[in-house]
Amino acid sequence: MRVRVCKSAKREQAGFQSIGPRGLWGNSLVSLRGLFLYNTGMTAEEKASVACFIDVASDMVRGGYFRGEREYNFSDEPDAVGSFDSLDEIAAALKNCKACRLCETRKNAVPGEGAQSPLVMVIGEAPGAEEDASGRPFVGKAGQLLDKMLGSINLSRETNCFIANIVKCRPPENRDPQPDEIAACAGFLESQIQTLNPRFILCVGRLSSQALLNSTEPIGKLRGRFMDCKIAGMTIPLIATYHPSALLRNEDYKRPAWDDLKMLRAALGSSESGAT
């Protein structure tokens, strides 16, 4: 395992003001994020260099300062995750996974749960405390709200949905998962998508939407439309919306989230009509 520390940096004011998140830096971040998350032929040092660039550039675009030192833990192995024949194999591998630092603090890995041939795969960001304790996804207050949201458009984890996260272990203190942690789980998520072959993907939250779409756009700009998710050799229609925890914090997000769900319901109806 190789470790690289990316130290704090301050931007030079001259000549930088004209480069905004929609310009050169934004385009570079989109391209390199995709390379970083899903490229399996890179060395640990190369992965760390890209991760450092992404973090420094993102923070400089937002405000001019990189927020502290970060360590990146990557493997030189070209395919640390491997290939799987079933969801049970993926879950078993996750229980023993030590690909990133989150294995040191987790109680349980949280592979996901739901229908084995789902219409929709719901993908969130990372487990919280209750999910870490139970080994099940979305079981706290946000999960209860998610179940109600899905039920409002005739979806359920018991019958026609599979629910998972881009990161399978809880980050300490429920912080955002870091880029190398997302990268460590990318192969597991890709294997799940390939195995499940869902008709649609519903991303809840900024991080899962950005990771699946190779984007740095905020969730407010990613939601409200279908986009193609190209992964595991497949192209799957994806719609993004706000995370249920965001709806619990801010009721202003409830109306646009409902609009997103109605779009998904309409697409599901059209898909089922076309299949008959």
C-alpha atoms as a PDB file:
ATOM      1  CA  MET A   1       0.000   0.000   0.000  1.00  0.00           C
ATOM      2  CA  ARG A   2       1.397   3.388  -0.985  1.00  0.00           C
ATOM      3  CA  VAL A   3       0.672   6.579   0.952  1.00  0.00           C
ATOM      4  CA  ARG A   4       1.007  10.138  -0.309  1.00  0.00           C
ATOM      5  CA  VAL A   5       0.330  13.239   1.748  1.00  0.00           C
ATOM      6  CA  CYS A   6      -1.069  16.232  -0.096  1.00  0.00           C
ATOM      7  CA  LYS A   7      -0.076  19.355   1.813  1.00  0.00           C
ATOM      8  CA  SER A   8      -2.061  22.560   2.109  1.00  0.00           C
ATOM      9  CA  ALA A   9      -1.791  25.147  -0.621  1.00  0.00           C
ATOM     10  CA  LYS A  10      -2.815  28.741  -1.272  1.00  0.00           C
ATOM     11  CA  ARG A  11      -3.683  29.970  -4.742  1.00  0.00           C
ATOM     12  CA  GLU A  12      -1.882  32.809  -6.456  1.00  0.00           C
ATOM     13  CA  GLN A  13      -4.406  35.578  -6.930  1.00  0.00           C
ATOM     14  CA  ALA A  14      -2.951  36.981 -10.169  1.00  0.00           C
ATOM     15  CA  GLY A  15      -4.213  35.322 -13.327  1.00  0.00           C
ATOM     16  CA  PHE A  16      -6.602  32.961 -11.514  1.00  0.00           C
ATOM     17  CA  GLN A  17      -9.752  35.015 -11.187  1.00  0.00           C
ATOM     18  CA  SER A  18     -10.869  34.328 -14.763  1.00  0.00           C
ATOM     19  CA  ILE A  19     -10.723  30.547 -14.356  1.00  0.00           C
ATOM     20  CA  GLY A  20     -13.972  29.459 -12.738  1.00  0.00           C
ATOM     21  CA  PRO A  21     -15.522  26.056 -12.001  1.00  0.00           C
ATOM     22  CA  ARG A  22     -17.156  26.043 -15.451  1.00  0.00           C
ATOM     23  CA  GLY A  23     -13.891  26.750 -17.256  1.00  0.00           C
ATOM     24  CA  LEU A  24     -10.551  25.020 -17.526  1.00  0.00           C
ATOM     25  CA  TRP A  25     -10.445  23.697 -13.963  1.00  0.00           C
ATOM     26  CA  GLY A  26     -14.011  22.426 -14.054  1.00  0.00           C
ATOM     27  CA  ASN A  27     -13.411  20.490 -17.270  1.00  0.00           C
ATOM     28  CA  SER A  28     -10.146  19.054 -15.947  1.00  0.00           C
ATOM     29  CA  LEU A  29     -11.814  17.904 -12.752  1.00  0.00           C
ATOM     30  CA  VAL A  30     -14.577  16.117 -14.634  1.00  0.00           C
ATOM     31  CA  SER A  31     -12.091  14.232 -16.811  1.00  0.00           C
ATOM     32  CA  LEU A  32      -9.651  13.374 -14.047  1.00  0.00           C
ATOM     33  CA  ARG A  33     -12.342  12.352 -11.602  1.00  0.00           C
ATOM     34  CA  GLY A  34     -13.513   9.678 -14.046  1.00  0.00           C
ATOM     35  CA  LEU A  35      -9.948   8.539 -14.635  1.00  0.00           C
ATOM     36  CA  PHE A  36      -9.259   8.437 -10.933  1.00  0.00           C
ATOM     37  CA  LEU A  37     -12.388   6.601  -9.846  1.00  0.00           C
ATOM     38  CA  TYR A  38     -12.488   3.877 -12.457  1.00  0.00           C
ATOM     39  CA  ASN A  39      -9.001   3.463 -13.954  1.00  0.00           C
ATOM     40  CA  THR A  40      -7.577   0.135 -12.756  1.00  0.00           C
ATOM     41  CA  GLY A  41      -4.222   0.348 -14.551  1.00  0.00           C
ATOM     42  CA  MET A  42      -2.759   3.203 -12.522  1.00  0.00           C
ATOM     43  CA  THR A  43      -0.050   2.790  -9.897  1.00  0.00           C
ATOM     44  CA  ALA A  44      -0.671   3.881  -6.320  1.00  0.00           C
ATOM     45  CA  GLU A  45       1.520   6.932  -6.853  1.00  0.00           C
ATOM     46  CA  GLU A  46      -0.385   7.928  -9.994  1.00  0.00           C
ATOM     47  CA  LYS A  47      -3.734   7.541  -8.234  1.00  0.00           C
ATOM     48  CA  ALA A  48      -2.495   9.663  -5.320  1.00  0.00           C
ATOM     49  CA  SER A  49      -1.248  12.376  -7.659  1.00  0.00           C
ATOM     50  CA  VAL A  50      -4.628  12.590  -9.380  1.00  0.00           C
ATOM     51  CA  ALA A  51      -6.458  12.599  -6.026  1.00  0.00           C
ATOM     52  CA  CYS A  52      -4.225  15.401  -4.755  1.00  0.00           C
ATOM     53  CA  PHE A  53      -4.829  17.439  -7.906  1.00  0.00           C
ATOM     54  CA  ILE A  54      -8.599  16.986  -7.612  1.00  0.00           C
ATOM     55  CA  ASP A  55      -8.659  18.079  -3.974  1.00  0.00           C
ATOM     56  CA  VAL A  56      -6.384  21.087  -4.430  1.00  0.00           C
ATOM     57  CA  ALA A  57      -8.133  22.249  -7.611  1.00  0.00           C
ATOM     58  CA  SER A  58     -11.616  21.789  -6.155  1.00  0.00           C
ATOM     59  CA  ASP A  59     -10.823  23.778  -3.041  1.00  0.00           C
ATOM     60  CA  MET A  60      -8.989  26.518  -4.933  1.00  0.00           C
ATOM     61  CA  VAL A  61     -11.918  26.939  -7.315  1.00  0.00           C
ATOM     62  CA  ARG A  62     -14.321  27.172  -4.398  1.00  0.00           C
ATOM     63  CA  GLY A  63     -12.410  29.623  -2.263  1.00  0.00           C
ATOM     64  CA  GLY A  64      -8.660  29.696  -2.686  1.00  0.00           C
ATOM     65  CA  TYR A  65      -7.413  27.366   0.053  1.00  0.00           C
ATOM     66  CA  PHE A  66      -6.854  23.639   0.338  1.00  0.00           C
ATOM     67  CA  ARG A  67      -8.353  22.501   3.616  1.00  0.00           C
ATOM     68  CA  GLY A  68      -5.527  20.741   5.438  1.00  0.00           C
ATOM     69  CA  GLU A  69      -3.387  17.694   4.764  1.00  0.00           C
ATOM     70  CA  ARG A  70      -4.883  14.440   3.535  1.00  0.00           C
ATOM     71  CA  GLU A  71      -3.430  10.980   3.227  1.00  0.00           C
ATOM     72  CA  TYR A  72      -4.264   8.789   0.256  1.00  0.00           C
ATOM     73  CA  ASN A  73      -4.067   5.045   0.565  1.00  0.00           C
ATOM     74  CA  PHE A  74      -3.997   3.187  -2.732  1.00  0.00           C
ATOM     75  CA  SER A  75      -2.863  -0.203  -3.909  1.00  0.00           C
ATOM     76  CA  ASP A  76      -0.527  -0.851  -6.844  1.00  0.00           C
ATOM     77  CA  GLU A  77      -2.654  -3.889  -7.644  1.00  0.00           C
ATOM     78  CA  PRO A  78      -4.435  -3.374 -10.980  1.00  0.00           C
ATOM     79  CA  ASP A  79      -7.605  -5.156  -9.863  1.00  0.00           C
ATOM     80  CA  ALA A  80      -7.864  -5.252  -6.110  1.00  0.00           C
ATOM     81  CA  VAL A  81     -11.595  -5.960  -6.112  1.00  0.00           C
ATOM     82  CA  GLY A  82     -11.740  -8.892  -8.500  1.00  0.00           C
ATOM     83  CA  SER A  83     -14.791 -10.303 -10.257  1.00  0.00           C
ATOM     84  CA  PHE A  84     -17.870 -11.895  -8.744  1.00  0.00           C
ATOM     85  CA  ASP A  85     -20.620 -14.231  -9.881  1.00  0.00           C
ATOM     86  CA  SER A  86     -23.318 -13.202  -7.386  1.00  0.00           C
ATOM     87  CA  LEU A  87     -24.395 -10.591  -4.863  1.00  0.00           C
ATOM     88  CA  ASP A  88     -23.561 -13.040  -2.073  1.00  0.00           C
ATOM     89  CA  GLU A  89     -19.958 -13.215  -3.276  1.00  0.00           C
ATOM     90  CA  ILE A  90     -19.746  -9.429  -3.312  1.00  0.00           C
ATOM     91  CA  ALA A  91     -21.148  -9.222   0.219  1.00  0.00           C
ATOM     92  CA  ALA A  92     -18.710 -11.863   1.481  1.00  0.00           C
ATOM     93  CA  ALA A  93     -15.766 -10.024  -0.062  1.00  0.00           C
ATOM     94  CA  LEU A  94     -16.870  -6.743   1.494  1.00  0.00           C
ATOM     95  CA  LYS A  95     -16.916  -8.244   4.978  1.00  0.00           C
ATOM     96  CA  ASN A  96     -13.202  -8.949   4.665  1.00  0.00           C
ATOM     97  CA  CYS A  97     -12.267  -5.869   2.628  1.00  0.00           C
ATOM     98  CA  LYS A  98      -9.282  -3.845   3.832  1.00  0.00           C
ATOM     99  CA  ALA A  99      -8.823  -1.720   0.717  1.00  0.00           C
ATOM    100  CA  CYS A 100      -9.083   1.609   2.569  1.00  0.00           C
ATOM    101  CA  ARG A 101      -8.879   3.111   6.049  1.00  0.00           C
ATOM    102  CA  LEU A 102     -12.624   2.729   6.712  1.00  0.00           C
ATOM    103  CA  CYS A 103     -12.119  -0.943   7.546  1.00  0.00           C
ATOM    104  CA  GLU A 104     -10.363   0.166  10.747  1.00  0.00           C
ATOM    105  CA  THR A 105     -13.412   1.888  12.243  1.00  0.00           C
ATOM    106  CA  ARG A 106     -16.412   0.053  10.780  1.00  0.00           C
ATOM    107  CA  LYS A 107     -18.597  -2.332  12.750  1.00  0.00           C
ATOM    108  CA  ASN A 108     -20.165  -3.844   9.656  1.00  0.00           C
ATOM    109  CA  ALA A 109     -19.724  -3.429   5.934  1.00  0.00           C
ATOM    110  CA  VAL A 110     -23.032  -2.511   4.286  1.00  0.00           C
ATOM    111  CA  PRO A 111     -23.261  -4.163   0.845  1.00  0.00           C
ATOM    112  CA  GLY A 112     -26.888  -3.290   0.151  1.00  0.00           C
ATOM    113  CA  GLU A 113     -30.210  -5.082   0.006  1.00  0.00           C
ATOM    114  CA  GLY A 114     -33.301  -5.473  -2.087  1.00  0.00           C
ATOM    115  CA  ALA A 115     -34.795  -7.234  -5.072  1.00  0.00           C
ATOM    116  CA  GLN A 116     -32.484  -9.445  -7.111  1.00  0.00           C
ATOM    117  CA  SER A 117     -33.901  -8.245 -10.444  1.00  0.00           C
ATOM    118  CA  PRO A 118     -34.783  -4.646  -9.656  1.00  0.00           C
ATOM    119  CA  LEU A 119     -36.509  -2.083 -11.795  1.00  0.00           C
ATOM    120  CA  VAL A 120     -34.509   0.598  -9.973  1.00  0.00           C
ATOM    121  CA  MET A 121     -31.184   0.599  -8.176  1.00  0.00           C
ATOM    122  CA  VAL A 122     -31.049   3.345  -5.556  1.00  0.00           C
ATOM    123  CA  ILE A 123     -27.512   4.518  -4.821  1.00  0.00           C
ATOM    124  CA  GLY A 124     -26.665   6.729  -1.872  1.00  0.00           C
ATOM    125  CA  GLU A 125     -23.410   7.998  -0.447  1.00  0.00           C
ATOM    126  CA  ALA A 126     -22.260   6.066   2.641  1.00  0.00           C
ATOM    127  CA  PRO A 127     -23.647   4.229   5.674  1.00  0.00           C
ATOM    128  CA  GLY A 128     -24.398   6.135   8.874  1.00  0.00           C
ATOM    129  CA  ALA A 129     -24.248   4.977  12.479  1.00  0.00           C
ATOM    130  CA  GLU A 130     -27.423   2.874  12.386  1.00  0.00           C
ATOM    131  CA  GLU A 131     -26.436   1.272   9.094  1.00  0.00           C
ATOM    132  CA  ASP A 132     -22.968   0.527  10.459  1.00  0.00           C
ATOM    133  CA  ALA A 133     -24.514  -1.169  13.492  1.00  0.00           C
ATOM    134  CA  SER A 134     -27.011  -3.257  11.522  1.00  0.00           C
ATOM    135  CA  GLY A 135     -25.156  -3.927   8.259  1.00  0.00           C
ATOM    136  CA  ARG A 136     -28.221  -2.745   6.316  1.00  0.00           C
ATOM    137  CA  PRO A 137     -28.557   0.367   4.124  1.00  0.00           C
ATOM    138  CA  PHE A 138     -30.859   3.286   4.895  1.00  0.00           C
ATOM    139  CA  VAL A 139     -32.406   2.101   8.157  1.00  0.00           C
ATOM    140  CA  GLY A 140     -32.321   5.368  10.149  1.00  0.00           C
ATOM    141  CA  LYS A 141     -34.624   8.365   9.807  1.00  0.00           C
ATOM    142  CA  ALA A 142     -33.316   9.112   6.320  1.00  0.00           C
ATOM    143  CA  GLY A 143     -33.948   5.496   5.363  1.00  0.00           C
ATOM    144  CA  GLN A 144     -37.506   5.616   6.658  1.00  0.00           C
ATOM    145  CA  LEU A 145     -38.094   8.708   4.537  1.00  0.00           C
ATOM    146  CA  LEU A 146     -36.490   7.010   1.530  1.00  0.00           C
ATOM    147  CA  ASP A 147     -38.874   4.065   1.903  1.00  0.00           C
ATOM    148  CA  LYS A 148     -41.828   6.505   1.914  1.00  0.00           C
ATOM    149  CA  MET A 149     -40.452   8.312  -1.136  1.00  0.00           C
ATOM    150  CA  LEU A 150     -40.093   5.049  -3.030  1.00  0.00           C
ATOM    151  CA  GLY A 151     -43.511   3.848  -1.888  1.00  0.00           C
ATOM    152  CA  SER A 152     -45.105   6.992  -3.298  1.00  0.00           C
ATOM    153  CA  ILE A 153     -44.171   5.788  -6.811  1.00  0.00           C
ATOM    154  CA  ASN A 154     -44.865   2.090  -6.158  1.00  0.00           C
ATOM    155  CA  LEU A 155     -41.274   1.095  -5.467  1.00  0.00           C
ATOM    156  CA  SER A 156     -40.005  -0.966  -2.543  1.00  0.00           C
ATOM    157  CA  ARG A 157     -36.795  -2.635  -1.456  1.00  0.00           C
ATOM    158  CA  GLU A 158     -38.856  -5.764  -0.831  1.00  0.00           C
ATOM    159  CA  THR A 159     -40.157  -6.141  -4.378  1.00  0.00           C
ATOM    160  CA  ASN A 160     -38.562  -4.054  -7.134  1.00  0.00           C
ATOM    161  CA  CYS A 161     -35.649  -1.943  -5.824  1.00  0.00           C
ATOM    162  CA  PHE A 162     -32.102  -2.592  -4.681  1.00  0.00           C
ATOM    163  CA  ILE A 163     -30.539  -0.049  -2.311  1.00  0.00           C
ATOM    164  CA  ALA A 164     -26.794   0.484  -1.933  1.00  0.00           C
ATOM    165  CA  ASN A 165     -24.155   3.178  -1.431  1.00  0.00           C
ATOM    166  CA  ILE A 166     -21.041   4.192  -3.352  1.00  0.00           C
ATOM    167  CA  VAL A 167     -19.033   3.527  -0.161  1.00  0.00           C
ATOM    168  CA  LYS A 168     -19.800   0.382   1.798  1.00  0.00           C
ATOM    169  CA  CYS A 169     -18.352   1.321   5.203  1.00  0.00           C
ATOM    170  CA  ARG A 170     -19.202   4.232   7.476  1.00  0.00           C
ATOM    171  CA  PRO A 171     -16.822   7.199   7.417  1.00  0.00           C
ATOM    172  CA  PRO A 172     -15.994   8.377  10.963  1.00  0.00           C
ATOM    173  CA  GLU A 173     -18.395  10.972  12.346  1.00  0.00           C
ATOM    174  CA  ASN A 174     -20.456  10.637   9.156  1.00  0.00           C
ATOM    175  CA  ARG A 175     -18.013  12.806   7.219  1.00  0.00           C
ATOM    176  CA  ASP A 176     -18.065  12.750   3.423  1.00  0.00           C
ATOM    177  CA  PRO A 177     -16.197   9.766   1.976  1.00  0.00           C
ATOM    178  CA  GLN A 178     -12.841  10.786   0.532  1.00  0.00           C
ATOM    179  CA  PRO A 179     -11.845  10.153  -3.096  1.00  0.00           C
ATOM    180  CA  ASP A 180      -9.612   7.151  -2.363  1.00  0.00           C
ATOM    181  CA  GLU A 181     -12.386   5.559  -0.280  1.00  0.00           C
ATOM    182  CA  ILE A 182     -14.850   5.979  -3.148  1.00  0.00           C
ATOM    183  CA  ALA A 183     -12.248   4.521  -5.510  1.00  0.00           C
ATOM    184  CA  ALA A 184     -11.670   1.521  -3.229  1.00  0.00           C
ATOM    185  CA  CYS A 185     -15.381   0.644  -3.420  1.00  0.00           C
ATOM    186  CA  ALA A 186     -15.883   1.466  -7.109  1.00  0.00           C
ATOM    187  CA  GLY A 187     -15.264  -2.090  -8.263  1.00  0.00           C
ATOM    188  CA  PHE A 188     -17.776  -3.495  -5.788  1.00  0.00           C
ATOM    189  CA  LEU A 189     -20.437  -1.049  -6.933  1.00  0.00           C
ATOM    190  CA  GLU A 190     -19.696  -1.767 -10.580  1.00  0.00           C
ATOM    191  CA  SER A 191     -20.026  -5.518  -9.933  1.00  0.00           C
ATOM    192  CA  GLN A 192     -23.360  -4.960  -8.193  1.00  0.00           C
ATOM    193  CA  ILE A 193     -24.688  -2.914 -11.093  1.00  0.00           C
ATOM    194  CA  GLN A 194     -23.488  -5.511 -13.585  1.00  0.00           C
ATOM    195  CA  THR A 195     -25.106  -8.336 -11.594  1.00  0.00           C
ATOM    196  CA  LEU A 196     -28.404  -6.542 -10.964  1.00  0.00           C
ATOM    197  CA  ASN A 197     -28.733  -4.900 -14.411  1.00  0.00           C
ATOM    198  CA  PRO A 198     -31.390  -2.432 -13.197  1.00  0.00           C
ATOM    199  CA  ARG A 199     -33.652  -0.680 -15.662  1.00  0.00           C
ATOM    200  CA  PHE A 200     -32.983   2.698 -13.985  1.00  0.00           C
ATOM    201  CA  ILE A 201     -30.607   4.155 -11.401  1.00  0.00           C
ATOM    202  CA  LEU A 202     -31.792   6.680  -8.817  1.00  0.00           C
ATOM    203  CA  CYS A 203     -28.895   8.519  -7.180  1.00  0.00           C
ATOM    204  CA  VAL A 204     -29.716  10.216  -3.891  1.00  0.00           C
ATOM    205  CA  GLY A 205     -27.226  12.877  -2.891  1.00  0.00           C
ATOM    206  CA  ARG A 206     -24.415  14.888  -4.399  1.00  0.00           C
ATOM    207  CA  LEU A 207     -21.523  12.454  -3.996  1.00  0.00           C
ATOM    208  CA  SER A 208     -23.165   9.408  -5.532  1.00  0.00           C
ATOM    209  CA  SER A 209     -24.505  11.485  -8.420  1.00  0.00           C
ATOM    210  CA  GLN A 210     -21.107  13.034  -9.117  1.00  0.00           C
ATOM    211  CA  ALA A 211     -19.323   9.685  -8.918  1.00  0.00           C
ATOM    212  CA  LEU A 212     -21.687   7.865 -11.273  1.00  0.00           C
ATOM    213  CA  LEU A 213     -21.817  10.733 -13.750  1.00  0.00           C
ATOM    214  CA  ASN A 214     -18.135  11.720 -13.540  1.00  0.00           C
ATOM    215  CA  SER A 215     -19.223  15.264 -12.743  1.00  0.00           C
ATOM    216  CA  THR A 216     -18.384  18.046 -10.314  1.00  0.00           C
ATOM    217  CA  GLU A 217     -21.711  19.848 -10.766  1.00  0.00           C
ATOM    218  CA  PRO A 218     -23.789  20.420  -7.604  1.00  0.00           C
ATOM    219  CA  ILE A 219     -26.810  18.233  -7.051  1.00  0.00           C
ATOM    220  CA  GLY A 220     -29.118  21.154  -7.821  1.00  0.00           C
ATOM    221  CA  LYS A 221     -27.814  21.157 -11.399  1.00  0.00           C
ATOM    222  CA  LEU A 222     -27.633  17.377 -11.821  1.00  0.00           C
ATOM    223  CA  ARG A 223     -31.206  16.660 -10.741  1.00  0.00           C
ATOM    224  CA  GLY A 224     -34.368  17.142 -12.761  1.00  0.00           C
ATOM    225  CA  ARG A 225     -33.378  15.177 -15.869  1.00  0.00           C
ATOM    226  CA  PHE A 226     -32.284  11.758 -17.022  1.00  0.00           C
ATOM    227  CA  MET A 227     -28.664  11.185 -17.996  1.00  0.00           C
ATOM    228  CA  ASP A 228     -26.807   8.145 -19.248  1.00  0.00           C
ATOM    229  CA  CYS A 229     -24.717   6.268 -16.710  1.00  0.00           C
ATOM    230  CA  LYS A 230     -22.025   4.330 -18.567  1.00  0.00           C
ATOM    231  CA  ILE A 231     -20.632   1.630 -16.308  1.00  0.00           C
ATOM    232  CA  ALA A 232     -19.686  -2.037 -16.496  1.00  0.00           C
ATOM    233  CA  GLY A 233     -20.141  -1.990 -20.262  1.00  0.00           C
ATOM    234  CA  MET A 234     -23.756  -0.876 -19.903  1.00  0.00           C
ATOM    235  CA  THR A 235     -25.623   2.371 -20.412  1.00  0.00           C
ATOM    236  CA  ILE A 236     -28.380   2.862 -17.819  1.00  0.00           C
ATOM    237  CA  PRO A 237     -30.721   5.870 -17.512  1.00  0.00           C
ATOM    238  CA  LEU A 238     -29.919   7.701 -14.277  1.00  0.00           C
ATOM    239  CA  ILE A 239     -31.835  10.381 -12.428  1.00  0.00           C
ATOM    240  CA  ALA A 240     -30.381  12.234  -9.449  1.00  0.00           C
ATOM    241  CA  THR A 241     -32.192  13.861  -6.552  1.00  0.00           C
ATOM    242  CA  TYR A 242     -31.570  15.196  -3.074  1.00  0.00           C
ATOM    243  CA  HIS A 243     -30.535  12.843  -0.284  1.00  0.00           C
ATOM    244  CA  PRO A 244     -33.342  12.076   2.180  1.00  0.00           C
ATOM    245  CA  SER A 245     -31.236  13.523   5.007  1.00  0.00           C
ATOM    246  CA  ALA A 246     -31.149  16.830   3.108  1.00  0.00           C
ATOM    247  CA  LEU A 247     -34.962  16.773   2.941  1.00  0.00           C
ATOM    248  CA  LEU A 248     -35.087  16.281   6.710  1.00  0.00           C
ATOM    249  CA  ARG A 249     -32.861  19.332   7.180  1.00  0.00           C
ATOM    250  CA  ASN A 250     -34.498  21.582   4.592  1.00  0.00           C
ATOM    251  CA  GLU A 251     -38.126  21.248   3.555  1.00  0.00           C
ATOM    252  CA  ASP A 252     -37.513  23.455   0.514  1.00  0.00           C
ATOM    253  CA  TYR A 253     -35.956  20.409  -1.176  1.00  0.00           C
ATOM    254  CA  LYS A 254     -39.098  18.300  -0.853  1.00  0.00           C
ATOM    255  CA  ARG A 255     -40.920  19.745  -3.858  1.00  0.00           C
ATOM    256  CA  PRO A 256     -38.039  19.337  -6.341  1.00  0.00           C
ATOM    257  CA  ALA A 257     -37.381  15.838  -4.977  1.00  0.00           C
ATOM    258  CA  TRP A 258     -41.020  14.953  -5.585  1.00  0.00           C
ATOM    259  CA  ASP A 259     -40.724  16.318  -9.111  1.00  0.00           C
ATOM    260  CA  ASP A 260     -37.739  14.005  -9.678  1.00  0.00           C
ATOM    261  CA  LEU A 261     -39.686  11.026  -8.374  1.00  0.00           C
ATOM    262  CA  LYS A 262     -42.601  11.817 -10.688  1.00  0.00           C
ATOM    263  CA  MET A 263     -40.193  11.863 -13.630  1.00  0.00           C
ATOM    264  CA  LEU A 264     -38.938   8.439 -12.610  1.00  0.00           C
ATOM    265  CA  ARG A 265     -42.486   7.145 -12.201  1.00  0.00           C
ATOM    266  CA  ALA A 266     -43.387   8.378 -15.689  1.00  0.00           C
ATOM    267  CA  ALA A 267     -40.279   6.759 -17.160  1.00  0.00           C
ATOM    268  CA  LEU A 268     -41.070   3.491 -15.436  1.00  0.00           C
ATOM    269  CA  GLY A 269     -44.598   3.591 -16.841  1.00  0.00           C
ATOM    270  CA  SER A 270     -43.303   4.225 -20.353  1.00  0.00           C
ATOM    271  CA  SER A 271     -40.730   1.457 -19.989  1.00  0.00           C
ATOM    272  CA  GLU A 272     -43.326  -1.051 -18.839  1.00  0.00           C
ATOM    273  CA  SER A 273     -45.694  -0.053 -21.658  1.00  0.00           C
ATOM    274  CA  GLY A 274     -42.915  -0.533 -24.186  1.00  0.00           C
ATOM    275  CA  ALA A 275     -42.126  -3.968 -22.801  1.00  0.00           C
ATOM    276  CA  THR A 276     -45.692  -5.236 -23.243  1.00  0.00           C
END
